[in-house]
Amino acid sequence: MQKRLVKHGNSMALIIEKPVLDLLGADAETPFDITTDGQVLVLTPAPNPKRHKAFRAALEKANREYSEDLKRLAE
């Protein structure tokens, strides 16, 4: 997908369509980390402490419930 920057006041903006935002789990309130190597621009949704906590809880529950199965799969 190619995009063009659009003028926004004295700045330029990049419009990100809703389907892409949905894939990222992002919305208008989501902060993004922006990094570059001088040639490539990378936008990454900033870590969300609530999502991280929920993920860790789900991971711990899965490990408790399926640890034996996971060990057998790893063999």
N, C-alpha and C. Protein backbone atom coordinates (compact mmCIF):
# COMPACT_ATOMS: atom_id res chain seq x y z
N MET A 1 0.84 -1.17 0.00
CA MET A 1 0.00 0.00 0.00
C MET A 1 0.89 1.23 0.00
N GLN A 2 0.62 2.14 -0.88
CA GLN A 2 1.34 3.40 -0.90
C GLN A 2 0.42 4.51 -0.43
N LYS A 3 0.98 5.43 0.30
CA LYS A 3 0.23 6.56 0.84
C LYS A 3 0.99 7.85 0.52
N ARG A 4 0.28 8.94 0.49
CA ARG A 4 0.88 10.26 0.35
C ARG A 4 0.58 11.07 1.61
N LEU A 5 1.50 11.92 1.96
CA LEU A 5 1.28 12.83 3.08
C LEU A 5 0.31 13.92 2.64
N VAL A 6 -0.48 14.40 3.59
CA VAL A 6 -1.40 15.50 3.31
C VAL A 6 -1.07 16.67 4.23
N LYS A 7 -1.28 17.87 3.71
CA LYS A 7 -0.98 19.07 4.49
C LYS A 7 -1.97 19.17 5.65
N HIS A 8 -1.43 19.48 6.83
CA HIS A 8 -2.25 19.62 8.04
C HIS A 8 -1.67 20.81 8.80
N GLY A 9 -2.21 22.01 8.56
CA GLY A 9 -1.63 23.21 9.15
C GLY A 9 -0.24 23.42 8.58
N ASN A 10 0.75 23.61 9.47
CA ASN A 10 2.14 23.76 9.04
C ASN A 10 2.88 22.43 9.00
N SER A 11 2.16 21.34 9.17
CA SER A 11 2.76 20.01 9.21
C SER A 11 2.21 19.15 8.08
N MET A 12 2.66 17.90 8.07
CA MET A 12 2.16 16.92 7.12
C MET A 12 1.58 15.76 7.93
N ALA A 13 0.54 15.12 7.41
CA ALA A 13 -0.12 14.03 8.12
C ALA A 13 -0.20 12.80 7.22
N LEU A 14 -0.21 11.66 7.85
CA LEU A 14 -0.39 10.39 7.15
C LEU A 14 -1.72 9.82 7.63
N ILE A 15 -2.63 9.59 6.71
CA ILE A 15 -3.95 9.06 7.04
C ILE A 15 -3.85 7.53 7.08
N ILE A 16 -4.28 6.94 8.18
CA ILE A 16 -4.27 5.48 8.32
C ILE A 16 -5.73 5.03 8.36
N GLU A 17 -6.10 4.19 7.38
CA GLU A 17 -7.48 3.74 7.26
C GLU A 17 -7.88 2.85 8.44
N LYS A 18 -9.19 2.82 8.71
CA LYS A 18 -9.73 2.05 9.83
C LYS A 18 -9.38 0.57 9.78
N PRO A 19 -9.42 -0.11 8.63
CA PRO A 19 -9.06 -1.54 8.64
C PRO A 19 -7.63 -1.79 9.14
N VAL A 20 -6.72 -0.88 8.82
CA VAL A 20 -5.34 -1.03 9.30
C VAL A 20 -5.29 -0.79 10.80
N LEU A 21 -6.00 0.23 11.27
CA LEU A 21 -6.05 0.50 12.70
C LEU A 21 -6.67 -0.67 13.45
N ASP A 22 -7.71 -1.27 12.86
CA ASP A 22 -8.35 -2.43 13.49
C ASP A 22 -7.36 -3.59 13.63
N LEU A 23 -6.55 -3.82 12.59
CA LEU A 23 -5.55 -4.89 12.67
C LEU A 23 -4.56 -4.65 13.80
N LEU A 24 -4.24 -3.39 14.04
CA LEU A 24 -3.30 -3.03 15.10
C LEU A 24 -3.95 -2.92 16.47
N GLY A 25 -5.27 -2.94 16.50
CA GLY A 25 -5.96 -2.72 17.77
C GLY A 25 -5.80 -1.29 18.23
N ALA A 26 -5.74 -0.36 17.28
CA ALA A 26 -5.50 1.05 17.59
C ALA A 26 -6.72 1.89 17.23
N ASP A 27 -6.80 3.05 17.85
CA ASP A 27 -7.84 4.02 17.50
C ASP A 27 -7.27 5.42 17.65
N ALA A 28 -8.13 6.43 17.63
CA ALA A 28 -7.67 7.82 17.68
C ALA A 28 -6.95 8.15 18.98
N GLU A 29 -7.18 7.38 20.03
CA GLU A 29 -6.56 7.64 21.33
C GLU A 29 -5.26 6.86 21.54
N THR A 30 -4.90 5.99 20.61
CA THR A 30 -3.72 5.15 20.77
C THR A 30 -2.45 5.94 20.52
N PRO A 31 -1.53 5.99 21.48
CA PRO A 31 -0.24 6.65 21.22
C PRO A 31 0.64 5.71 20.38
N PHE A 32 1.45 6.28 19.52
CA PHE A 32 2.36 5.51 18.68
C PHE A 32 3.80 5.92 18.97
N ASP A 33 4.69 4.93 18.98
CA ASP A 33 6.12 5.19 19.02
C ASP A 33 6.57 5.32 17.57
N ILE A 34 7.37 6.34 17.27
CA ILE A 34 7.87 6.57 15.92
C ILE A 34 9.38 6.45 15.95
N THR A 35 9.91 5.56 15.10
CA THR A 35 11.36 5.39 14.99
C THR A 35 11.76 5.49 13.53
N THR A 36 13.01 5.78 13.30
CA THR A 36 13.54 5.85 11.94
C THR A 36 15.02 5.52 11.93
N ASP A 37 15.49 5.00 10.82
CA ASP A 37 16.93 4.81 10.63
C ASP A 37 17.46 5.85 9.65
N GLY A 38 16.65 6.85 9.35
CA GLY A 38 17.03 7.88 8.41
C GLY A 38 16.44 7.65 7.02
N GLN A 39 15.99 6.43 6.75
CA GLN A 39 15.37 6.12 5.46
C GLN A 39 14.00 5.47 5.62
N VAL A 40 13.80 4.78 6.73
CA VAL A 40 12.55 4.06 6.97
C VAL A 40 11.88 4.63 8.21
N LEU A 41 10.58 4.85 8.10
CA LEU A 41 9.79 5.33 9.23
C LEU A 41 8.96 4.16 9.75
N VAL A 42 9.03 3.91 11.06
CA VAL A 42 8.29 2.80 11.66
C VAL A 42 7.36 3.37 12.73
N LEU A 43 6.06 3.08 12.59
CA LEU A 43 5.05 3.47 13.58
C LEU A 43 4.62 2.22 14.32
N THR A 44 4.71 2.25 15.63
CA THR A 44 4.34 1.10 16.45
C THR A 44 3.41 1.57 17.56
N PRO A 45 2.25 0.92 17.71
CA PRO A 45 1.40 1.31 18.84
C PRO A 45 2.20 1.18 20.14
N ALA A 46 2.15 2.23 20.95
CA ALA A 46 2.89 2.22 22.22
C ALA A 46 2.32 1.13 23.12
N PRO A 47 3.17 0.51 23.91
CA PRO A 47 2.67 -0.54 24.82
C PRO A 47 1.56 0.00 25.71
N ASN A 48 0.53 -0.82 25.87
CA ASN A 48 -0.61 -0.46 26.70
C ASN A 48 -0.53 -1.31 27.97
N PRO A 49 -0.30 -0.69 29.13
CA PRO A 49 -0.16 -1.47 30.37
C PRO A 49 -1.36 -2.37 30.67
N LYS A 50 -2.58 -1.92 30.36
CA LYS A 50 -3.77 -2.74 30.63
C LYS A 50 -3.76 -3.98 29.74
N ARG A 51 -3.44 -3.80 28.43
CA ARG A 51 -3.40 -4.95 27.53
C ARG A 51 -2.28 -5.90 27.93
N HIS A 52 -1.15 -5.34 28.35
CA HIS A 52 -0.02 -6.18 28.74
C HIS A 52 -0.39 -7.02 29.97
N LYS A 53 -1.04 -6.40 30.93
CA LYS A 53 -1.45 -7.11 32.14
C LYS A 53 -2.45 -8.22 31.81
N ALA A 54 -3.41 -7.92 30.94
CA ALA A 54 -4.40 -8.93 30.54
C ALA A 54 -3.73 -10.07 29.78
N PHE A 55 -2.77 -9.75 28.93
CA PHE A 55 -2.06 -10.79 28.18
C PHE A 55 -1.28 -11.68 29.13
N ARG A 56 -0.56 -11.08 30.08
CA ARG A 56 0.22 -11.87 31.04
C ARG A 56 -0.69 -12.80 31.84
N ALA A 57 -1.85 -12.29 32.26
CA ALA A 57 -2.79 -13.12 33.03
C ALA A 57 -3.29 -14.29 32.18
N ALA A 58 -3.60 -14.03 30.92
CA ALA A 58 -4.07 -15.10 30.03
C ALA A 58 -2.95 -16.12 29.78
N LEU A 59 -1.73 -15.65 29.63
CA LEU A 59 -0.59 -16.54 29.41
C LEU A 59 -0.36 -17.43 30.63
N GLU A 60 -0.40 -16.85 31.82
CA GLU A 60 -0.21 -17.63 33.03
C GLU A 60 -1.32 -18.67 33.20
N LYS A 61 -2.55 -18.31 32.89
CA LYS A 61 -3.67 -19.25 32.98
C LYS A 61 -3.47 -20.40 32.00
N ALA A 62 -3.09 -20.08 30.77
CA ALA A 62 -2.86 -21.13 29.76
C ALA A 62 -1.72 -22.05 30.19
N ASN A 63 -0.66 -21.47 30.75
CA ASN A 63 0.46 -22.30 31.22
C ASN A 63 0.03 -23.21 32.36
N ARG A 64 -0.80 -22.72 33.27
CA ARG A 64 -1.29 -23.55 34.37
C ARG A 64 -2.15 -24.70 33.84
N GLU A 65 -3.05 -24.37 32.95
CA GLU A 65 -4.02 -25.36 32.48
C GLU A 65 -3.44 -26.36 31.48
N TYR A 66 -2.46 -25.93 30.71
CA TYR A 66 -1.97 -26.77 29.62
C TYR A 66 -0.48 -27.07 29.69
N SER A 67 0.13 -26.92 30.86
CA SER A 67 1.58 -27.08 30.95
C SER A 67 2.02 -28.49 30.54
N GLU A 68 1.30 -29.51 30.95
CA GLU A 68 1.67 -30.88 30.58
C GLU A 68 1.57 -31.09 29.07
N ASP A 69 0.51 -30.60 28.48
CA ASP A 69 0.34 -30.72 27.02
C ASP A 69 1.45 -29.97 26.28
N LEU A 70 1.77 -28.79 26.78
CA LEU A 70 2.84 -28.00 26.13
C LEU A 70 4.18 -28.69 26.23
N LYS A 71 4.46 -29.33 27.37
CA LYS A 71 5.71 -30.06 27.54
C LYS A 71 5.79 -31.22 26.55
N ARG A 72 4.67 -31.94 26.40
CA ARG A 72 4.66 -33.07 25.46
C ARG A 72 4.84 -32.58 24.02
N LEU A 73 4.24 -31.48 23.66
CA LEU A 73 4.40 -30.94 22.32
C LEU A 73 5.85 -30.51 22.05
N ALA A 74 6.54 -30.07 23.09
CA ALA A 74 7.92 -29.60 22.94
C ALA A 74 8.89 -30.75 22.75
N GLU A 75 8.49 -31.96 23.12
CA GLU A 75 9.41 -33.11 23.02
C GLU A 75 9.57 -33.57 21.59
